[in-house]
C-alpha atoms as a PDB file:
ATOM      1  CA  MET A   1     -37.069-174.205 -82.469  1.00  0.00           C
ATOM      2  CA  LYS A   2     -39.034-177.244 -81.316  1.00  0.00           C
ATOM      3  CA  ASN A   3     -40.132-177.036 -77.721  1.00  0.00           C
ATOM      4  CA  LYS A   4     -43.051-179.420 -77.230  1.00  0.00           C
ATOM      5  CA  LEU A   5     -43.911-183.064 -77.810  1.00  0.00           C
ATOM      6  CA  SER A   6     -46.134-182.445 -80.818  1.00  0.00           C
ATOM      7  CA  ASP A   7     -43.306-180.713 -82.716  1.00  0.00           C
ATOM      8  CA  MET A   8     -41.144-183.821 -82.871  1.00  0.00           C
ATOM      9  CA  LYS A   9     -40.736-186.026 -85.948  1.00  0.00           C
ATOM     10  CA  PHE A  10     -40.165-189.759 -85.574  1.00  0.00           C
ATOM     11  CA  LEU A  11     -38.652-192.313 -87.929  1.00  0.00           C
ATOM     12  CA  ILE A  12     -39.403-196.010 -87.386  1.00  0.00           C
ATOM     13  CA  LEU A  13     -37.202-198.703 -88.931  1.00  0.00           C
ATOM     14  CA  GLN A  14     -39.254-201.873 -89.417  1.00  0.00           C
ATOM     15  CA  GLN A  15     -37.375-205.107 -90.120  1.00  0.00           C
ATOM     16  CA  GLN A  16     -40.240-207.471 -91.026  1.00  0.00           C
ATOM     17  CA  PRO A  17     -43.941-207.058 -91.898  1.00  0.00           C
ATOM     18  CA  PHE A  18     -45.139-209.141 -88.935  1.00  0.00           C
ATOM     19  CA  VAL A  19     -42.964-207.357 -86.337  1.00  0.00           C
ATOM     20  CA  THR A  20     -44.929-204.135 -86.164  1.00  0.00           C
ATOM     21  CA  PRO A  21     -44.625-200.939 -84.100  1.00  0.00           C
ATOM     22  CA  GLY A  22     -47.484-202.228 -81.936  1.00  0.00           C
ATOM     23  CA  GLY A  23     -48.227-199.799 -79.109  1.00  0.00           C
ATOM     24  CA  ILE A  24     -45.740-197.268 -80.531  1.00  0.00           C
ATOM     25  CA  SER A  25     -48.214-196.338 -83.275  1.00  0.00           C
ATOM     26  CA  LYS A  26     -50.971-195.841 -80.697  1.00  0.00           C
ATOM     27  CA  TRP A  27     -48.742-193.582 -78.599  1.00  0.00           C
ATOM     28  CA  LEU A  28     -47.580-191.510 -81.579  1.00  0.00           C
ATOM     29  CA  GLN A  29     -51.135-191.040 -82.845  1.00  0.00           C
ATOM     30  CA  SER A  30     -52.478-190.159 -79.400  1.00  0.00           C
ATOM     31  CA  HIS A  31     -49.867-187.392 -79.168  1.00  0.00           C
ATOM     32  CA  SER A  32     -50.517-186.217 -82.755  1.00  0.00           C
ATOM     33  CA  HIS A  33     -46.892-186.823 -83.677  1.00  0.00           C
ATOM     34  CA  GLU A  34     -45.659-186.803 -87.231  1.00  0.00           C
ATOM     35  CA  TYR A  35     -43.978-190.112 -88.008  1.00  0.00           C
ATOM     36  CA  PHE A  36     -43.078-192.306 -90.922  1.00  0.00           C
ATOM     37  CA  ILE A  37     -41.949-195.899 -91.267  1.00  0.00           C
ATOM     38  CA  THR A  38     -39.125-197.204 -93.427  1.00  0.00           C
ATOM     39  CA  HIS A  39     -39.927-200.817 -94.315  1.00  0.00           C
ATOM     40  CA  LEU A  40     -36.417-202.170 -94.669  1.00  0.00           C
ATOM     41  CA  TYR A  41     -37.567-205.560 -95.979  1.00  0.00           C
ATOM     42  CA  GLN A  42     -39.126-203.735 -98.959  1.00  0.00           C
ATOM     43  CA  ASP A  43     -35.808-202.060 -99.825  1.00  0.00           C
ATOM     44  CA  MET A  44     -37.209-198.624 -99.052  1.00  0.00           C
ATOM     45  CA  ASP A  45     -34.656-195.842 -99.192  1.00  0.00           C
ATOM     46  CA  LEU A  46     -33.486-194.485 -95.865  1.00  0.00           C
ATOM     47  CA  PRO A  47     -34.350-190.790 -95.430  1.00  0.00           C
ATOM     48  CA  ALA A  48     -32.071-187.858 -94.761  1.00  0.00           C
ATOM     49  CA  LEU A  49     -30.835-187.575 -91.185  1.00  0.00           C
ATOM     50  CA  ASP A  50     -32.285-184.093 -90.828  1.00  0.00           C
ATOM     51  CA  SER A  51     -35.799-185.329 -91.628  1.00  0.00           C
ATOM     52  CA  PHE A  52     -36.460-186.692 -88.121  1.00  0.00           C
ATOM     53  CA  ASP A  53     -35.728-185.960 -84.474  1.00  0.00           C
ATOM     54  CA  VAL A  54     -36.110-189.391 -82.877  1.00  0.00           C
ATOM     55  CA  LEU A  55     -35.169-192.746 -84.398  1.00  0.00           C
ATOM     56  CA  LEU A  56     -37.016-195.906 -83.314  1.00  0.00           C
ATOM     57  CA  VAL A  57     -35.519-199.257 -84.368  1.00  0.00           C
ATOM     58  CA  LEU A  58     -37.849-202.249 -84.075  1.00  0.00           C
ATOM     59  CA  GLY A  59     -37.094-205.894 -83.446  1.00  0.00           C
ATOM     60  CA  GLY A  60     -37.044-208.868 -85.787  1.00  0.00           C
ATOM     61  CA  THR A  61     -36.466-212.597 -85.884  1.00  0.00           C
ATOM     62  CA  MET A  62     -33.054-212.362 -87.541  1.00  0.00           C
ATOM     63  CA  ASN A  63     -29.673-211.920 -85.870  1.00  0.00           C
ATOM     64  CA  VAL A  64     -27.425-208.876 -86.259  1.00  0.00           C
ATOM     65  CA  TYR A  65     -24.780-210.929 -88.050  1.00  0.00           C
ATOM     66  CA  GLU A  66     -27.072-212.331 -90.778  1.00  0.00           C
ATOM     67  CA  GLU A  67     -26.228-209.668 -93.364  1.00  0.00           C
ATOM     68  CA  GLN A  68     -26.076-212.126 -96.259  1.00  0.00           C
ATOM     69  CA  LYS A  69     -29.600-213.376 -95.602  1.00  0.00           C
ATOM     70  CA  TYR A  70     -30.940-209.926 -94.761  1.00  0.00           C
ATOM     71  CA  PRO A  71     -28.805-207.528 -96.823  1.00  0.00           C
ATOM     72  CA  TRP A  72     -30.521-204.369 -95.560  1.00  0.00           C
ATOM     73  CA  LEU A  73     -28.772-204.886 -92.220  1.00  0.00           C
ATOM     74  CA  VAL A  74     -25.592-203.465 -93.747  1.00  0.00           C
ATOM     75  CA  SER A  75     -27.096-200.130 -94.796  1.00  0.00           C
ATOM     76  CA  GLU A  76     -29.239-200.026 -91.653  1.00  0.00           C
ATOM     77  CA  LYS A  77     -26.197-200.295 -89.394  1.00  0.00           C
ATOM     78  CA  MET A  78     -24.426-197.534 -91.322  1.00  0.00           C
ATOM     79  CA  PHE A  79     -27.502-195.330 -91.081  1.00  0.00           C
ATOM     80  CA  ILE A  80     -27.871-195.887 -87.336  1.00  0.00           C
ATOM     81  CA  GLU A  81     -24.178-195.204 -86.793  1.00  0.00           C
ATOM     82  CA  LYS A  82     -24.542-191.877 -88.624  1.00  0.00           C
ATOM     83  CA  ALA A  83     -27.632-191.010 -86.574  1.00  0.00           C
ATOM     84  CA  VAL A  84     -25.761-191.687 -83.332  1.00  0.00           C
ATOM     85  CA  LYS A  85     -22.781-189.610 -84.477  1.00  0.00           C
ATOM     86  CA  LYS A  86     -25.130-186.776 -85.391  1.00  0.00           C
ATOM     87  CA  GLU A  87     -26.378-186.908 -81.781  1.00  0.00           C
ATOM     88  CA  LYS A  88     -29.904-188.026 -82.587  1.00  0.00           C
ATOM     89  CA  CYS A  89     -32.044-189.608 -79.882  1.00  0.00           C
ATOM     90  CA  VAL A  90     -32.400-193.306 -80.648  1.00  0.00           C
ATOM     91  CA  LEU A  91     -34.481-196.099 -79.118  1.00  0.00           C
ATOM     92  CA  GLY A  92     -33.805-199.691 -80.157  1.00  0.00           C
ATOM     93  CA  ILE A  93     -36.028-202.598 -79.123  1.00  0.00           C
ATOM     94  CA  CYS A  94     -34.824-206.230 -78.977  1.00  0.00           C
ATOM     95  CA  LEU A  95     -33.025-206.688 -82.338  1.00  0.00           C
ATOM     96  CA  GLY A  96     -32.934-202.892 -82.516  1.00  0.00           C
ATOM     97  CA  ALA A  97     -31.049-202.811 -79.210  1.00  0.00           C
ATOM     98  CA  GLN A  98     -28.679-205.514 -80.425  1.00  0.00           C
ATOM     99  CA  ILE A  99     -27.974-203.523 -83.589  1.00  0.00           C
ATOM    100  CA  LEU A 100     -27.284-200.437 -81.472  1.00  0.00           C
ATOM    101  CA  ALA A 101     -24.902-202.432 -79.277  1.00  0.00           C
ATOM    102  CA  ASP A 102     -23.146-203.762 -82.384  1.00  0.00           C
ATOM    103  CA  VAL A 103     -22.843-200.265 -83.881  1.00  0.00           C
ATOM    104  CA  LEU A 104     -21.395-199.013 -80.598  1.00  0.00           C
ATOM    105  CA  GLY A 105     -18.721-201.704 -80.655  1.00  0.00           C
ATOM    106  CA  ALA A 106     -20.177-204.231 -78.193  1.00  0.00           C
ATOM    107  CA  ARG A 107     -20.438-207.969 -78.720  1.00  0.00           C
ATOM    108  CA  VAL A 108     -23.811-209.530 -79.558  1.00  0.00           C
ATOM    109  CA  ARG A 109     -24.054-213.177 -78.580  1.00  0.00           C
ATOM    110  CA  GLN A 110     -26.430-215.958 -77.652  1.00  0.00           C
ATOM    111  CA  ASN A 111     -27.916-215.669 -74.189  1.00  0.00           C
ATOM    112  CA  GLU A 112     -27.657-218.631 -71.838  1.00  0.00           C
ATOM    113  CA  HIS A 113     -31.453-218.802 -71.611  1.00  0.00           C
ATOM    114  CA  LEU A 114     -34.301-218.339 -74.051  1.00  0.00           C
ATOM    115  CA  GLU A 115     -36.795-215.883 -72.545  1.00  0.00           C
ATOM    116  CA  ILE A 116     -40.416-215.780 -73.716  1.00  0.00           C
ATOM    117  CA  GLY A 117     -43.304-214.386 -71.713  1.00  0.00           C
ATOM    118  CA  TRP A 118     -43.978-211.972 -68.878  1.00  0.00           C
ATOM    119  CA  HIS A 119     -41.009-211.339 -66.632  1.00  0.00           C
ATOM    120  CA  THR A 120     -40.137-208.924 -63.859  1.00  0.00           C
ATOM    121  CA  LEU A 121     -37.116-206.726 -64.503  1.00  0.00           C
ATOM    122  CA  ALA A 122     -35.079-204.814 -61.949  1.00  0.00           C
ATOM    123  CA  LEU A 123     -34.049-201.290 -62.900  1.00  0.00           C
ATOM    124  CA  GLU A 124     -30.400-200.465 -62.331  1.00  0.00           C
ATOM    125  CA  PRO A 125     -29.871-197.732 -59.676  1.00  0.00           C
ATOM    126  CA  ASP A 126     -27.686-195.707 -62.061  1.00  0.00           C
ATOM    127  CA  VAL A 127     -30.690-195.115 -64.309  1.00  0.00           C
ATOM    128  CA  LYS A 128     -32.333-193.057 -61.571  1.00  0.00           C
ATOM    129  CA  GLU A 129     -29.414-190.630 -61.785  1.00  0.00           C
ATOM    130  CA  GLN A 130     -30.177-189.933 -65.451  1.00  0.00           C
ATOM    131  CA  LYS A 131     -32.313-186.880 -66.171  1.00  0.00           C
ATOM    132  CA  HIS A 132     -35.919-187.795 -67.089  1.00  0.00           C
ATOM    133  CA  TRP A 133     -35.658-191.299 -65.591  1.00  0.00           C
ATOM    134  CA  GLN A 134     -35.919-190.455 -61.873  1.00  0.00           C
ATOM    135  CA  ASP A 135     -39.561-191.551 -61.566  1.00  0.00           C
ATOM    136  CA  PHE A 136     -39.199-194.808 -63.511  1.00  0.00           C
ATOM    137  CA  PRO A 137     -40.276-197.882 -61.471  1.00  0.00           C
ATOM    138  CA  ASN A 138     -37.573-199.852 -59.686  1.00  0.00           C
ATOM    139  CA  GLU A 139     -39.228-203.083 -60.812  1.00  0.00           C
ATOM    140  CA  PHE A 140     -41.570-203.620 -63.715  1.00  0.00           C
ATOM    141  CA  GLU A 141     -43.152-206.512 -65.573  1.00  0.00           C
ATOM    142  CA  THR A 142     -42.897-206.581 -69.340  1.00  0.00           C
ATOM    143  CA  PHE A 143     -42.870-208.916 -72.325  1.00  0.00           C
ATOM    144  CA  LEU A 144     -39.753-210.765 -73.479  1.00  0.00           C
ATOM    145  CA  TRP A 145     -39.066-212.880 -76.555  1.00  0.00           C
ATOM    146  CA  HIS A 146     -35.383-213.295 -77.338  1.00  0.00           C
ATOM    147  CA  GLN A 147     -32.469-215.693 -77.533  1.00  0.00           C
ATOM    148  CA  ASP A 148     -29.553-213.325 -78.196  1.00  0.00           C
ATOM    149  CA  THR A 149     -28.153-210.723 -75.848  1.00  0.00           C
ATOM    150  CA  PHE A 150     -25.379-208.115 -75.912  1.00  0.00           C
ATOM    151  CA  ASP A 151     -22.465-206.879 -73.875  1.00  0.00           C
ATOM    152  CA  LEU A 152     -22.762-203.318 -72.626  1.00  0.00           C
ATOM    153  CA  PRO A 153     -21.240-200.762 -75.006  1.00  0.00           C
ATOM    154  CA  GLU A 154     -18.292-198.825 -73.628  1.00  0.00           C
ATOM    155  CA  ASN A 155     -19.331-195.767 -71.579  1.00  0.00           C
ATOM    156  CA  SER A 156     -22.929-196.947 -71.312  1.00  0.00           C
ATOM    157  CA  ILE A 157     -24.917-197.927 -68.225  1.00  0.00           C
ATOM    158  CA  ARG A 158     -27.055-201.017 -67.784  1.00  0.00           C
ATOM    159  CA  PHE A 159     -30.785-200.250 -67.877  1.00  0.00           C
ATOM    160  CA  ALA A 160     -32.217-203.331 -66.193  1.00  0.00           C
ATOM    161  CA  LYS A 161     -31.737-207.052 -65.659  1.00  0.00           C
ATOM    162  CA  SER A 162     -33.902-210.144 -65.292  1.00  0.00           C
ATOM    163  CA  MET A 163     -33.279-213.522 -63.707  1.00  0.00           C
ATOM    164  CA  GLY A 164     -32.592-215.010 -67.131  1.00  0.00           C
ATOM    165  CA  CYS A 165     -30.574-212.208 -68.732  1.00  0.00           C
ATOM    166  CA  GLU A 166     -28.151-209.765 -67.132  1.00  0.00           C
ATOM    167  CA  ASN A 167     -28.320-207.046 -69.769  1.00  0.00           C
ATOM    168  CA  GLN A 168     -31.927-206.073 -70.457  1.00  0.00           C
ATOM    169  CA  GLY A 169     -30.956-202.698 -71.832  1.00  0.00           C
ATOM    170  CA  PHE A 170     -28.505-199.813 -71.773  1.00  0.00           C
ATOM    171  CA  ILE A 171     -28.304-196.038 -71.979  1.00  0.00           C
ATOM    172  CA  PHE A 172     -25.481-194.422 -73.922  1.00  0.00           C
ATOM    173  CA  ASP A 173     -24.759-190.699 -73.767  1.00  0.00           C
ATOM    174  CA  GLN A 174     -28.199-190.176 -72.134  1.00  0.00           C
ATOM    175  CA  ARG A 175     -29.902-190.121 -75.564  1.00  0.00           C
ATOM    176  CA  VAL A 176     -29.344-193.623 -77.014  1.00  0.00           C
ATOM    177  CA  VAL A 177     -31.408-196.344 -75.355  1.00  0.00           C
ATOM    178  CA  GLY A 178     -31.378-200.037 -76.193  1.00  0.00           C
ATOM    179  CA  LEU A 179     -34.040-202.287 -74.643  1.00  0.00           C
ATOM    180  CA  GLN A 180     -33.909-206.070 -74.899  1.00  0.00           C
ATOM    181  CA  PHE A 181     -37.536-206.347 -73.787  1.00  0.00           C
ATOM    182  CA  HIS A 182     -40.730-205.491 -75.674  1.00  0.00           C
ATOM    183  CA  PRO A 183     -42.756-202.655 -74.097  1.00  0.00           C
ATOM    184  CA  GLU A 184     -44.446-202.113 -77.469  1.00  0.00           C
ATOM    185  CA  GLU A 185     -45.956-205.607 -77.659  1.00  0.00           C
ATOM    186  CA  THR A 186     -49.736-205.897 -77.942  1.00  0.00           C
ATOM    187  CA  LEU A 187     -51.976-208.929 -77.708  1.00  0.00           C
ATOM    188  CA  GLU A 188     -52.700-208.738 -81.438  1.00  0.00           C
ATOM    189  CA  GLY A 189     -49.007-208.498 -82.268  1.00  0.00           C
ATOM    190  CA  TYR A 190     -48.129-211.411 -80.019  1.00  0.00           C
ATOM    191  CA  LEU A 191     -50.837-213.666 -81.474  1.00  0.00           C
ATOM    192  CA  GLY A 192     -49.724-212.787 -85.006  1.00  0.00           C
ATOM    193  CA  LEU A 193     -46.122-213.635 -84.218  1.00  0.00           C
ATOM    194  CA  LEU A 194     -47.179-216.851 -82.501  1.00  0.00           C
ATOM    195  CA  LYS A 195     -48.853-218.055 -85.718  1.00  0.00           C
ATOM    196  CA  ARG A 196     -45.497-217.840 -87.481  1.00  0.00           C
ATOM    197  CA  TYR A 197     -43.255-218.974 -84.646  1.00  0.00           C
ATOM    198  CA  PRO A 198     -45.123-221.325 -82.303  1.00  0.00           C
ATOM    199  CA  PHE A 199     -43.191-222.538 -79.284  1.00  0.00           C
ATOM    200  CA  VAL A 200     -43.508-224.999 -76.424  1.00  0.00           C
ATOM    201  CA  GLU A 201     -43.305-224.012 -72.779  1.00  0.00           C
ATOM    202  CA  ASN A 202     -39.806-224.600 -71.401  1.00  0.00           C
ATOM    203  CA  PRO A 203     -39.414-223.509 -67.774  1.00  0.00           C
ATOM    204  CA  PRO A 204     -38.100-221.525 -66.094  1.00  0.00           C
ATOM    205  CA  PHE A 205     -37.962-218.634 -68.584  1.00  0.00           C
ATOM    206  CA  VAL A 206     -40.326-219.732 -71.371  1.00  0.00           C
ATOM    207  CA  GLN A 207     -43.988-219.573 -70.402  1.00  0.00           C
ATOM    208  CA  SER A 208     -46.890-221.312 -72.116  1.00  0.00           C
ATOM    209  CA  PRO A 209     -48.589-219.434 -74.976  1.00  0.00           C
ATOM    210  CA  LYS A 210     -51.897-219.617 -73.100  1.00  0.00           C
ATOM    211  CA  SER A 211     -50.497-218.115 -69.908  1.00  0.00           C
ATOM    212  CA  ILE A 212     -48.975-215.250 -71.909  1.00  0.00           C
ATOM    213  CA  SER A 213     -52.140-214.295 -73.762  1.00  0.00           C
ATOM    214  CA  GLU A 214     -54.886-215.001 -71.239  1.00  0.00           C
ATOM    215  CA  ASN A 215     -54.201-211.954 -69.048  1.00  0.00           C
ATOM    216  CA  ARG A 216     -55.092-208.975 -71.221  1.00  0.00           C
ATOM    217  CA  LYS A 217     -54.414-206.626 -68.326  1.00  0.00           C
ATOM    218  CA  LYS A 218     -50.695-207.236 -68.684  1.00  0.00           C
ATOM    219  CA  PHE A 219     -50.740-205.892 -72.224  1.00  0.00           C
ATOM    220  CA  GLU A 220     -52.448-202.729 -70.940  1.00  0.00           C
ATOM    221  CA  THR A 221     -49.764-202.362 -68.253  1.00  0.00           C
ATOM    222  CA  ASN A 222     -47.130-202.931 -70.923  1.00  0.00           C
ATOM    223  CA  TYR A 223     -48.504-199.948 -72.852  1.00  0.00           C
ATOM    224  CA  THR A 224     -48.260-197.789 -69.734  1.00  0.00           C
ATOM    225  CA  LEU A 225     -44.598-198.770 -69.471  1.00  0.00           C
ATOM    226  CA  LEU A 226     -44.056-197.969 -73.162  1.00  0.00           C
ATOM    227  CA  SER A 227     -45.662-194.567 -72.688  1.00  0.00           C
ATOM    228  CA  LYS A 228     -43.239-193.710 -69.880  1.00  0.00           C
ATOM    229  CA  ILE A 229     -40.283-194.721 -72.053  1.00  0.00           C
ATOM    230  CA  LEU A 230     -41.435-192.782 -75.126  1.00  0.00           C
ATOM    231  CA  ASP A 231     -42.287-189.731 -73.014  1.00  0.00           C
ATOM    232  CA  ASN A 232     -38.763-189.801 -71.601  1.00  0.00           C
ATOM    233  CA  ILE A 233     -37.036-190.273 -74.959  1.00  0.00           C
ATOM    234  CA  THR A 234     -39.048-187.434 -76.477  1.00  0.00           C
ATOM    235  CA  ASN A 235     -38.383-185.094 -73.562  1.00  0.00           C
ATOM    236  CA  ILE A 236     -34.671-185.869 -73.826  1.00  0.00           C
ATOM    237  CA  ALA A 237     -34.781-184.922 -77.516  1.00  0.00           C
ATOM    238  CA  ILE A 238     -36.620-181.676 -76.748  1.00  0.00           C
ATOM    239  CA  ASN A 239     -34.244-180.825 -73.923  1.00  0.00           C
ATOM    240  CA  ARG A 240     -31.223-181.257 -76.200  1.00  0.00           C
ATOM    241  CA  GLN A 241     -32.745-179.009 -78.896  1.00  0.00           C
ATOM    242  CA  VAL A 242     -33.692-176.125 -76.623  1.00  0.00           C
ATOM    243  CA  LYS A 243     -30.247-175.878 -74.992  1.00  0.00           C
END
C-alpha cells in the first residue's frame, strides 16, 4: 500500500504544446515522483484508470464547448468523469477546472471581466475546514489569464475569489479541486504564451505585459503556492489510500 509522497503516480493531461506543466514538472521531479503526460493534441491514447493515483488537467486557449474544433475534448471529458467516479484525486487548472465543472454538471460561461496578470485572491473560510488545507494562506497573489468562468458544481465549496471573478476555484468531495488561476505559471511559460497571444493592457483587471514579467520574484512566490497545493492534493490521495 502506498504511504508516502514518492510512491504516488501522476498523470498530466496537456491540451496544447505551448501550455506546458510549468512549475508542476519541477515539483514532481524534485519529489522524485513518477509521472507521465498524455498529449491530447497529438491524439495520444488515454491510459488505464488504475495506472495513476493523481490526475492533473492543464489549461488551454480553447473553450470547453469547442468539441468540433478540438475533438479530443469529448474523450477527455469522458475520461475525467470516469476518474472522478472512481474516486481519484484530480486537480484541474484554468481550462482544466472548467472541464471539471462541466463534467460535474455546472455551467461554464464567459466571465464579466477578462483577467490577465498578478491578482490577489481571497480564500473562502470553508476551505480552512477541509483536512490538509488548514494552513493555506487567507490571501495570496497568483497569476491569472482567463475569460471564461464556471458556476460552482453541486455539493462543492468555493475555493477563492478575486475582485474580477467570484469563482476562482472549488473543492468537490475533498479530493477534486478546480482552480481558475495559474499557480504553475513560470516566466518562461508566460513569455512563450505571450508570443502567440499578445494583448494590450486594459484596466482594471488586465495588466501590461511588462508589469507582469518584470518582477521575477512573483514567479518564485507562485511556485511556493503551487507547492502547497500539490503537497495537499498528494497528501489527500495518500490519506484516502491508507484508510
